[in-house]
């Protein structure tokens, strides 16, 4: 009987503490409350529909599907910027690109922003921290920000499988996905017993090996996976959708990448299957991590957060890559599983990559830096009614690089407004409720003149707001910096 009362008391104590956290991220855990462990898993170029739970009938992701069924699945999760460097800086810092100023050709991420990055704050507040895989952000001595770290990415200039196969386990050269999973398991096996931990795990997959003819590389175990499947043709594949794009986009990197992977039916089939094989291999590592958590008795107090860093075109509009303001480029998969809550929910509200660091710190019960621009997602994991604080969201791609024209957009639940920043191109307006694929540009219709003006002004207002939040200058001579992605 005493054991049962003790368990009831423990559950009540947990509910009191976590309810307080849901109301305010500034409330710290009581001294005797056990803070949760946190595993944050990030994948590279993982688009929102490349998940079985999302309704994809082909890709095999049983571990992620189980995570979604047990936790909270966010149907409309998005990256504030559709490019990995800037998005990853936003995930670390909780800030818009326009605020932190980091993207390709901008030099290292500035110190004031990294000083309040979520892993730094966690470590300062008693968490044991680890990072393995692709950081994606240039920062001096980044590995010293963590208690344990091994920062690496694809060997980008390799034109063959060695871009993904160069790390060793014992004497065997293995795929980076396997190596990242291996390092994560070693971390879990050797964590100190007196501290909660936060493990950040960042896979380079399923990003293509851009310099290689084959593009996608997987492990031998996956050679026959999807071999008998036919991938459906991409939507919006007709010439009219490509021709409607600005000339600079039609001649830019989105088109160049399309030639890499999708310009013939044979390449489209093989490369798409390779993409799925790499995702399934990530799923295998997540399965094994969860098994290890169970074996070590950590599963009941370890929150798992999963997301992709940006969306991806895979032949739609006759494009590849990301960078543009369409939903295919912006939307990502996102799941939060908190075993202490065990409440499943599918969330339709719009959530962002910059919400993740605030959520992580709120879970840990530590003070969230005031500069953070996201929202805590904890109320969703608790099944609480969440007021809609976001009516209009800004999206941006600010890299001043000619082959990828800079653009920005604002999005409501119903509408999206898009404009380019460095080229002369028509504005775009889409009614997302009736046109989720963004096929019909309504910007030229006089009926929507007032709406266009309203969204245009809102885009300017939000852009100015986030720019004014900057802590330091990010000006740099871009012509002196090499482009390497």
Protein backbone atom coordinates (compact mmCIF):
# COMPACT_ATOMS: atom_id res chain seq x y z
CA UNK A 1 0.00 0.00 0.00
CA UNK A 2 2.84 2.36 0.89
CA UNK A 3 4.42 1.84 -2.52
CA UNK A 4 1.17 2.70 -4.28
CA UNK A 5 0.78 5.93 -2.26
CA UNK A 6 4.38 6.83 -3.03
CA UNK A 7 3.72 6.37 -6.76
CA UNK A 8 0.56 8.50 -6.60
CA UNK A 9 2.45 11.23 -4.74
CA UNK A 10 5.26 11.10 -7.31
CA UNK A 11 2.78 11.48 -10.20
CA UNK A 12 1.05 14.37 -8.44
CA UNK A 13 4.37 16.10 -7.85
CA UNK A 14 5.30 15.68 -11.53
CA UNK A 15 1.95 17.09 -12.68
CA UNK A 16 2.24 20.14 -10.39
CA UNK A 17 5.74 20.94 -11.62
CA UNK A 18 5.04 20.39 -15.31
CA UNK A 19 1.79 22.38 -15.15
CA UNK A 20 3.76 25.32 -13.79
CA UNK A 21 6.24 24.98 -16.63
CA UNK A 22 3.45 25.00 -19.19
CA UNK A 23 2.25 28.33 -17.83
CA UNK A 24 5.68 29.94 -17.65
CA UNK A 25 9.07 28.86 -19.00
CA UNK A 26 10.72 30.94 -16.28
CA UNK A 27 9.56 28.65 -13.46
CA UNK A 28 12.35 26.37 -12.25
CA UNK A 29 11.88 22.82 -11.07
CA UNK A 30 11.69 22.25 -7.34
CA UNK A 31 14.93 20.93 -5.94
CA UNK A 32 13.53 17.44 -5.39
CA UNK A 33 11.86 17.13 -8.81
CA UNK A 34 13.62 14.97 -11.36
CA UNK A 35 14.34 16.94 -14.48
CA UNK A 36 13.83 15.11 -17.77
CA UNK A 37 16.53 13.95 -20.12
CA UNK A 38 16.17 15.35 -23.62
CA UNK A 39 17.17 13.91 -26.99
CA UNK A 40 16.86 16.27 -29.95
CA UNK A 41 17.19 14.59 -33.35
CA UNK A 42 17.64 16.69 -36.49
CA UNK A 43 17.74 15.40 -40.06
CA UNK A 44 19.01 17.17 -43.17
CA UNK A 45 16.68 17.99 -46.10
CA UNK A 46 13.88 15.83 -44.67
CA UNK A 47 10.66 17.06 -46.27
CA UNK A 48 7.35 16.96 -44.39
CA UNK A 49 5.76 14.06 -46.28
CA UNK A 50 8.74 11.64 -46.10
CA UNK A 51 7.25 9.88 -43.10
CA UNK A 52 4.86 6.95 -42.91
CA UNK A 53 2.75 8.66 -40.24
CA UNK A 54 2.33 11.66 -42.55
CA UNK A 55 0.45 9.38 -44.95
CA UNK A 56 3.34 8.37 -47.18
CA UNK A 57 2.52 4.81 -48.35
CA UNK A 58 6.06 4.04 -49.56
CA UNK A 59 8.74 5.22 -47.13
CA UNK A 60 9.30 2.87 -44.19
CA UNK A 61 9.70 4.73 -40.91
CA UNK A 62 8.25 2.43 -38.22
CA UNK A 63 10.25 3.93 -35.32
CA UNK A 64 9.29 7.50 -36.21
CA UNK A 65 5.69 6.44 -36.82
CA UNK A 66 5.57 4.90 -33.36
CA UNK A 67 7.05 8.07 -31.89
CA UNK A 68 4.32 10.10 -33.61
CA UNK A 69 1.56 7.76 -32.43
CA UNK A 70 2.78 7.94 -28.86
CA UNK A 71 3.55 11.66 -28.81
CA UNK A 72 2.54 14.90 -30.48
CA UNK A 73 2.79 15.14 -34.25
CA UNK A 74 2.86 18.64 -35.73
CA UNK A 75 1.19 18.64 -39.13
CA UNK A 76 2.23 22.20 -39.96
CA UNK A 77 5.78 22.47 -38.67
CA UNK A 78 7.95 24.84 -40.67
CA UNK A 79 11.44 26.27 -40.91
CA UNK A 80 11.56 30.06 -40.75
CA UNK A 81 14.23 29.91 -43.43
CA UNK A 82 14.53 27.15 -46.07
CA UNK A 83 18.28 26.71 -46.07
CA UNK A 84 20.26 24.50 -43.72
CA UNK A 85 22.92 26.94 -42.46
CA UNK A 86 20.49 29.66 -41.45
CA UNK A 87 17.86 27.21 -40.19
CA UNK A 88 20.37 25.42 -37.96
CA UNK A 89 21.55 28.74 -36.55
CA UNK A 90 17.90 29.54 -35.80
CA UNK A 91 17.43 26.16 -34.10
CA UNK A 92 20.48 26.76 -31.90
CA UNK A 93 19.67 30.35 -31.00
CA UNK A 94 15.87 30.54 -31.11
CA UNK A 95 16.14 33.52 -33.47
CA UNK A 96 15.12 34.50 -36.97
CA UNK A 97 17.83 34.67 -39.61
CA UNK A 98 17.24 38.41 -39.85
CA UNK A 99 18.20 38.67 -36.18
CA UNK A 100 21.17 36.28 -35.86
CA UNK A 101 22.48 37.22 -39.32
CA UNK A 102 24.00 33.82 -40.06
CA UNK A 103 23.91 32.11 -43.42
CA UNK A 104 26.46 31.07 -46.03
CA UNK A 105 29.17 33.66 -46.80
CA UNK A 106 28.52 35.60 -43.59
CA UNK A 107 31.45 34.39 -41.53
CA UNK A 108 31.04 32.63 -38.15
CA UNK A 109 27.88 32.95 -36.08
CA UNK A 110 28.41 35.95 -33.81
CA UNK A 111 29.29 35.19 -30.19
CA UNK A 112 26.40 37.04 -28.47
CA UNK A 113 23.92 34.74 -30.18
CA UNK A 114 25.78 31.55 -29.37
CA UNK A 115 26.14 32.58 -25.72
CA UNK A 116 22.40 32.06 -25.29
CA UNK A 117 22.12 28.98 -27.52
CA UNK A 118 20.07 26.21 -25.91
CA UNK A 119 23.00 23.76 -25.30
CA UNK A 120 25.02 26.51 -23.63
CA UNK A 121 22.16 27.49 -21.33
CA UNK A 122 21.45 23.85 -20.46
CA UNK A 123 25.08 23.18 -19.58
CA UNK A 124 25.16 26.28 -17.38
CA UNK A 125 22.12 24.91 -15.56
CA UNK A 126 23.42 21.48 -14.69
CA UNK A 127 22.69 19.41 -17.79
CA UNK A 128 25.26 17.03 -19.22
CA UNK A 129 25.32 17.82 -22.94
CA UNK A 130 26.41 15.99 -26.06
CA UNK A 131 26.38 16.71 -29.77
CA UNK A 132 27.15 14.31 -32.62
CA UNK A 133 26.92 14.98 -36.34
CA UNK A 134 26.33 18.03 -38.49
CA UNK A 135 26.30 21.32 -36.62
CA UNK A 136 25.95 23.22 -39.90
CA UNK A 137 27.09 26.48 -38.32
CA UNK A 138 30.59 27.94 -38.41
CA UNK A 139 31.68 28.79 -34.88
CA UNK A 140 35.20 28.65 -33.41
CA UNK A 141 35.68 25.83 -30.91
CA UNK A 142 32.05 24.78 -31.24
CA UNK A 143 32.86 21.38 -29.75
CA UNK A 144 33.77 23.08 -26.48
CA UNK A 145 30.17 24.22 -26.06
CA UNK A 146 29.26 20.65 -25.06
CA UNK A 147 30.50 18.17 -22.47
CA UNK A 148 30.94 15.69 -25.31
CA UNK A 149 30.97 16.50 -29.01
CA UNK A 150 32.06 15.16 -32.36
CA UNK A 151 31.13 17.60 -35.11
CA UNK A 152 31.31 16.36 -38.70
CA UNK A 153 29.35 16.37 -41.94
CA UNK A 154 29.50 14.86 -45.39
CA UNK A 155 32.83 15.26 -47.15
CA UNK A 156 31.16 17.74 -49.45
CA UNK A 157 33.62 17.87 -52.32
CA UNK A 158 33.83 14.12 -52.75
CA UNK A 159 32.30 12.94 -56.00
CA UNK A 160 31.63 9.39 -54.86
CA UNK A 161 30.44 7.33 -51.87
CA UNK A 162 33.36 8.48 -49.73
CA UNK A 163 31.40 11.63 -49.02
CA UNK A 164 29.31 9.48 -46.69
CA UNK A 165 31.72 6.60 -46.03
CA UNK A 166 34.82 7.84 -44.24
CA UNK A 167 34.22 7.41 -40.50
CA UNK A 168 35.38 4.21 -38.80
CA UNK A 169 34.00 1.99 -36.05
CA UNK A 170 37.01 -0.02 -34.91
CA UNK A 171 38.65 -0.77 -38.27
CA UNK A 172 35.51 -0.76 -40.39
CA UNK A 173 34.55 2.27 -42.50
CA UNK A 174 30.87 2.92 -42.00
CA UNK A 175 28.13 5.21 -43.31
CA UNK A 176 27.76 8.49 -41.41
CA UNK A 177 24.24 7.52 -40.32
CA UNK A 178 25.55 4.37 -38.61
CA UNK A 179 28.46 6.30 -37.11
CA UNK A 180 26.16 8.96 -35.65
CA UNK A 181 23.95 6.29 -34.13
CA UNK A 182 27.03 4.53 -32.74
CA UNK A 183 28.27 7.69 -31.06
CA UNK A 184 24.84 8.40 -29.62
CA UNK A 185 24.71 4.94 -28.08
CA UNK A 186 28.17 5.39 -26.56
CA UNK A 187 27.02 8.67 -25.05
CA UNK A 188 23.99 7.01 -23.44
CA UNK A 189 26.10 4.18 -22.08
CA UNK A 190 28.54 6.55 -20.37
CA UNK A 191 26.51 9.48 -19.06
CA UNK A 192 27.19 10.46 -15.44
CA UNK A 193 24.44 9.28 -13.12
CA UNK A 194 24.11 12.52 -11.16
CA UNK A 195 22.95 14.82 -13.97
CA UNK A 196 20.12 14.99 -16.47
CA UNK A 197 21.37 14.97 -20.05
CA UNK A 198 20.59 16.61 -23.37
CA UNK A 199 21.81 14.74 -26.43
CA UNK A 200 21.65 16.62 -29.72
CA UNK A 201 21.90 14.23 -32.62
CA UNK A 202 22.23 15.64 -36.12
CA UNK A 203 22.25 13.31 -39.13
CA UNK A 204 23.75 14.42 -42.45
CA UNK A 205 21.27 12.14 -44.20
CA UNK A 206 19.15 12.24 -46.23
CA UNK A 207 21.01 15.15 -47.88
CA UNK A 208 22.31 14.31 -51.36
CA UNK A 209 26.03 14.15 -52.09
CA UNK A 210 25.85 17.08 -54.48
CA UNK A 211 29.14 16.57 -56.28
CA UNK A 212 28.48 12.89 -57.01
CA UNK A 213 26.75 11.44 -60.03
CA UNK A 214 24.82 8.93 -57.88
CA UNK A 215 23.68 11.67 -55.44
CA UNK A 216 22.33 9.39 -52.68
CA UNK A 217 24.40 6.81 -50.82
CA UNK A 218 23.10 4.21 -48.40
CA UNK A 219 24.36 1.17 -46.52
CA UNK A 220 24.58 -2.28 -48.16
CA UNK A 221 21.75 -3.53 -45.96
CA UNK A 222 19.37 -1.26 -47.90
CA UNK A 223 20.38 -2.24 -51.44
CA UNK A 224 17.11 -3.99 -52.25
CA UNK A 225 14.85 -1.71 -50.22
CA UNK A 226 12.19 -0.10 -52.44
CA UNK A 227 13.65 -1.87 -55.49
CA UNK A 228 10.23 -3.12 -56.64
CA UNK A 229 8.42 0.14 -55.91
CA UNK A 230 7.52 2.77 -58.48
CA UNK A 231 7.70 6.31 -57.10
CA UNK A 232 4.75 8.40 -58.38
CA UNK A 233 5.54 11.32 -60.66
CA UNK A 234 5.96 14.67 -58.92
CA UNK A 235 3.03 17.05 -58.70
CA UNK A 236 3.21 20.32 -60.65
CA UNK A 237 5.58 18.69 -63.14
CA UNK A 238 4.06 20.41 -66.18
CA UNK A 239 5.99 23.10 -68.06
CA UNK A 240 3.50 25.82 -67.09
CA UNK A 241 4.56 25.68 -63.44
CA UNK A 242 8.23 25.92 -64.30
CA UNK A 243 7.68 28.70 -66.82
CA UNK A 244 5.72 30.73 -64.25
CA UNK A 245 8.86 31.03 -62.09
CA UNK A 246 11.12 34.09 -62.37
CA UNK A 247 13.88 33.75 -64.97
CA UNK A 248 16.52 33.86 -62.25
CA UNK A 249 14.96 30.84 -60.53
CA UNK A 250 14.56 28.92 -63.80
CA UNK A 251 18.28 29.42 -64.44
CA UNK A 252 19.47 29.10 -60.84
CA UNK A 253 20.54 26.36 -58.43
CA UNK A 254 17.06 24.91 -58.03
CA UNK A 255 17.18 23.97 -61.70
CA UNK A 256 20.83 22.89 -61.57
CA UNK A 257 20.03 20.46 -58.76
CA UNK A 258 17.07 19.14 -60.77
CA UNK A 259 19.48 18.13 -63.53
CA UNK A 260 21.57 16.32 -60.91
CA UNK A 261 18.74 14.02 -59.86
CA UNK A 262 15.43 14.23 -61.67
CA UNK A 263 15.76 15.22 -65.33
CA UNK A 264 15.11 11.67 -66.59
CA UNK A 265 12.52 9.13 -65.33
CA UNK A 266 15.30 6.66 -64.55
CA UNK A 267 17.26 9.11 -62.39
CA UNK A 268 14.08 10.26 -60.69
CA UNK A 269 13.18 6.72 -59.65
CA UNK A 270 16.64 5.69 -58.48
CA UNK A 271 17.50 8.89 -56.65
CA UNK A 272 14.14 9.13 -54.93
CA UNK A 273 14.52 5.54 -53.70
CA UNK A 274 18.00 6.41 -52.45
CA UNK A 275 16.52 9.31 -50.50
CA UNK A 276 13.98 6.98 -48.89
CA UNK A 277 16.67 4.38 -48.12
CA UNK A 278 18.66 6.98 -46.20
CA UNK A 279 15.57 8.00 -44.21
CA UNK A 280 14.81 4.39 -43.30
CA UNK A 281 18.37 3.96 -42.07
CA UNK A 282 17.93 6.97 -39.76
CA UNK A 283 14.74 5.32 -38.54
CA UNK A 284 16.76 2.17 -37.71
CA UNK A 285 19.09 4.21 -35.50
CA UNK A 286 16.16 5.83 -33.69
CA UNK A 287 14.69 2.38 -33.06
CA UNK A 288 17.95 1.19 -31.54
CA UNK A 289 18.33 4.32 -29.41
CA UNK A 290 14.90 3.77 -27.91
CA UNK A 291 15.78 0.16 -27.14
CA UNK A 292 18.91 1.31 -25.34
CA UNK A 293 16.93 3.86 -23.33
CA UNK A 294 14.67 1.03 -22.18
CA UNK A 295 17.62 -1.20 -21.28
CA UNK A 296 19.23 1.53 -19.19
CA UNK A 297 16.00 2.46 -17.43
CA UNK A 298 16.00 5.95 -18.97
CA UNK A 299 13.00 5.72 -21.26
CA UNK A 300 10.35 6.91 -18.81
CA UNK A 301 12.14 10.21 -18.17
CA UNK A 302 13.59 11.01 -21.61
CA UNK A 303 11.78 13.41 -23.92
CA UNK A 304 12.49 12.90 -27.63
CA UNK A 305 12.13 15.74 -30.14
CA UNK A 306 12.48 15.05 -33.86
CA UNK A 307 12.43 17.41 -36.84
CA UNK A 308 13.97 18.19 -40.24
CA UNK A 309 15.99 21.35 -40.86
CA UNK A 310 14.15 22.46 -44.01
CA UNK A 311 11.88 21.17 -46.76
CA UNK A 312 12.87 19.99 -50.23
CA UNK A 313 11.74 19.97 -53.83
CA UNK A 314 12.01 16.58 -55.49
CA UNK A 315 10.91 17.36 -59.02
CA UNK A 316 7.92 19.58 -58.26
CA UNK A 317 7.83 22.63 -60.57
CA UNK A 318 10.79 20.90 -62.29
CA UNK A 319 13.02 21.93 -59.38
CA UNK A 320 15.23 20.36 -56.71
CA UNK A 321 16.84 21.82 -53.60
CA UNK A 322 14.98 24.20 -51.29
CA UNK A 323 15.49 27.98 -50.76
CA UNK A 324 12.11 29.18 -52.10
CA UNK A 325 9.07 30.27 -50.13
CA UNK A 326 6.69 27.48 -51.22
CA UNK A 327 5.48 25.05 -48.57
CA UNK A 328 7.44 22.15 -50.06
CA UNK A 329 10.58 24.10 -49.26
CA UNK A 330 9.50 25.25 -45.80
CA UNK A 331 7.48 22.48 -44.15
CA UNK A 332 9.25 19.77 -42.15
CA UNK A 333 8.30 16.76 -40.02
CA UNK A 334 8.20 17.42 -36.27
CA UNK A 335 7.38 15.13 -33.35
CA UNK A 336 7.64 15.58 -29.57
CA UNK A 337 7.32 12.50 -27.39
CA UNK A 338 7.19 13.06 -23.64
CA UNK A 339 6.75 9.67 -21.91
CA UNK A 340 5.67 11.40 -18.70
CA UNK A 341 2.58 12.72 -20.46
CA UNK A 342 1.76 9.84 -22.81
CA UNK A 343 -0.85 11.92 -24.60
CA UNK A 344 -1.09 11.56 -28.35
CA UNK A 345 -2.27 14.47 -30.45
CA UNK A 346 -2.09 15.63 -34.05
CA UNK A 347 -1.60 19.39 -34.04
CA UNK A 348 -2.71 21.56 -36.96
CA UNK A 349 -1.38 24.85 -35.60
CA UNK A 350 1.62 26.41 -37.33
CA UNK A 351 4.82 25.81 -35.34
CA UNK A 352 8.39 26.74 -36.17
CA UNK A 353 11.98 25.61 -35.88
CA UNK A 354 12.66 28.52 -33.49
CA UNK A 355 10.13 26.97 -31.09
CA UNK A 356 12.42 24.01 -30.41
CA UNK A 357 15.09 25.72 -28.25
CA UNK A 358 12.48 27.46 -26.12
CA UNK A 359 10.67 24.14 -25.69
CA UNK A 360 13.90 22.37 -24.70
CA UNK A 361 14.77 24.96 -22.05
CA UNK A 362 11.20 24.98 -20.77
CA UNK A 363 11.28 21.20 -20.42
CA UNK A 364 14.49 21.56 -18.40
CA UNK A 365 12.91 24.14 -16.13
CA UNK A 366 15.54 26.82 -16.76
CA UNK A 367 15.06 30.46 -17.61
CA UNK A 368 14.58 31.10 -21.31
CA UNK A 369 16.64 34.03 -22.68
CA UNK A 370 14.43 37.02 -23.32
CA UNK A 371 15.83 37.40 -26.82
CA UNK A 372 14.28 34.09 -27.96
CA UNK A 373 11.59 34.61 -30.61
CA UNK A 374 9.83 31.24 -30.59
CA UNK A 375 7.07 29.74 -28.46
CA UNK A 376 7.18 26.82 -26.03
CA UNK A 377 5.39 23.75 -27.39
CA UNK A 378 4.97 22.15 -23.97
CA UNK A 379 1.25 22.99 -23.72
CA UNK A 380 0.63 20.77 -26.76
CA UNK A 381 2.33 17.80 -25.08
CA UNK A 382 0.07 18.29 -22.08
CA UNK A 383 -3.10 18.38 -24.12
CA UNK A 384 -3.86 21.92 -22.95
CA UNK A 385 -5.90 24.35 -24.97
CA UNK A 386 -3.35 26.59 -26.65
CA UNK A 387 -4.32 30.14 -27.65
CA UNK A 388 -3.35 30.95 -31.22
CA UNK A 389 -0.64 33.55 -30.78
CA UNK A 390 0.46 33.43 -34.40
CA UNK A 391 -1.80 34.99 -36.96
CA UNK A 392 0.90 35.81 -39.49
CA UNK A 393 4.36 34.24 -39.78
CA UNK A 394 7.42 35.62 -41.56
CA UNK A 395 9.63 33.37 -43.68
CA UNK A 396 12.89 34.49 -45.23
CA UNK A 397 15.89 33.49 -47.29
CA UNK A 398 18.40 36.32 -47.04
CA UNK A 399 21.55 34.91 -48.62
CA UNK A 400 22.65 37.41 -51.23
CA UNK A 401 23.78 34.84 -53.79
CA UNK A 402 22.80 35.29 -57.42
CA UNK A 403 22.03 31.63 -58.32
CA UNK A 404 19.48 31.54 -55.46
CA UNK A 405 17.42 34.76 -55.48
CA UNK A 406 16.66 36.06 -52.02
CA UNK A 407 12.98 36.10 -51.07
CA UNK A 408 10.60 36.46 -48.14
CA UNK A 409 7.00 35.67 -47.36
CA UNK A 410 4.27 35.90 -44.79
CA UNK A 411 1.83 33.07 -44.16
CA UNK A 412 -1.46 32.82 -42.32
CA UNK A 413 -3.50 29.65 -41.93
CA UNK A 414 -5.38 30.69 -45.07
CA UNK A 415 -3.04 32.79 -47.21
CA UNK A 416 0.57 33.13 -48.31
CA UNK A 417 2.21 36.22 -49.78
CA UNK A 418 5.65 35.91 -51.47
CA UNK A 419 8.06 38.52 -52.80
CA UNK A 420 11.64 38.48 -54.07
CA UNK A 421 14.14 40.88 -52.54
CA UNK A 422 16.97 41.21 -55.09
CA UNK A 423 15.32 40.64 -58.47
CA UNK A 424 12.42 42.18 -60.34
CA UNK A 425 9.68 39.55 -60.15
CA UNK A 426 5.90 39.62 -59.66
CA UNK A 427 4.47 39.19 -56.18
CA UNK A 428 2.66 35.95 -55.44
CA UNK A 429 -0.50 35.23 -53.45
CA UNK A 430 -1.97 31.80 -52.72
CA UNK A 431 -5.17 30.76 -50.98
CA UNK A 432 -3.82 27.79 -49.03
CA UNK A 433 -7.18 26.41 -47.94
CA UNK A 434 -8.34 25.80 -51.50
CA UNK A 435 -4.91 25.67 -53.15
CA UNK A 436 -2.47 23.83 -50.82
CA UNK A 437 -0.06 23.10 -53.68
CA UNK A 438 0.20 26.83 -54.45
CA UNK A 439 -0.74 26.43 -58.11
CA UNK A 440 -2.81 29.56 -58.72
CA UNK A 441 -1.14 32.91 -58.15
CA UNK A 442 -3.90 35.37 -57.29
CA UNK A 443 -1.68 38.43 -56.95
CA UNK A 444 -2.77 39.85 -60.30
CA UNK A 445 -6.47 39.60 -59.49
CA UNK A 446 -7.93 43.06 -58.61
CA UNK A 447 -10.29 41.31 -56.19
CA UNK A 448 -7.35 40.74 -53.83
CA UNK A 449 -5.74 44.18 -54.06
CA UNK A 450 -6.51 45.13 -50.43
CA UNK A 451 -5.38 41.75 -49.16
CA UNK A 452 -2.10 42.03 -51.07
CA UNK A 453 -1.51 45.48 -49.56
CA UNK A 454 -2.24 44.17 -46.07
CA UNK A 455 0.11 41.18 -46.37
CA UNK A 456 2.80 43.26 -48.07
CA UNK A 457 2.74 45.72 -45.17
CA UNK A 458 2.77 42.89 -42.64
CA UNK A 459 5.81 41.37 -44.35
CA UNK A 460 7.65 44.70 -44.08
CA UNK A 461 6.62 45.22 -40.45
CA UNK A 462 7.80 41.78 -39.36
CA UNK A 463 11.03 42.01 -41.33
CA UNK A 464 11.82 45.35 -39.64
CA UNK A 465 10.91 43.99 -36.21
CA UNK A 466 13.29 41.03 -36.40
CA UNK A 467 16.07 43.10 -37.92
CA UNK A 468 15.85 45.60 -35.05
CA UNK A 469 16.30 42.75 -32.56
CA UNK A 470 19.91 42.24 -33.70
CA UNK A 471 22.59 42.29 -31.03
CA UNK A 472 25.52 42.97 -33.34
CA UNK A 473 26.45 43.65 -36.96
CA UNK A 474 26.82 40.77 -39.40
CA UNK A 475 28.35 42.78 -42.22
CA UNK A 476 31.09 40.93 -44.08
CA UNK A 477 32.70 41.07 -47.51
CA UNK A 478 30.93 38.08 -49.08
CA UNK A 479 33.19 38.17 -52.13
CA UNK A 480 36.09 37.05 -49.94
CA UNK A 481 34.30 33.97 -48.59
CA UNK A 482 34.17 30.64 -50.40
CA UNK A 483 30.82 29.01 -51.06
CA UNK A 484 30.88 25.39 -49.94
CA UNK A 485 27.58 23.55 -49.58
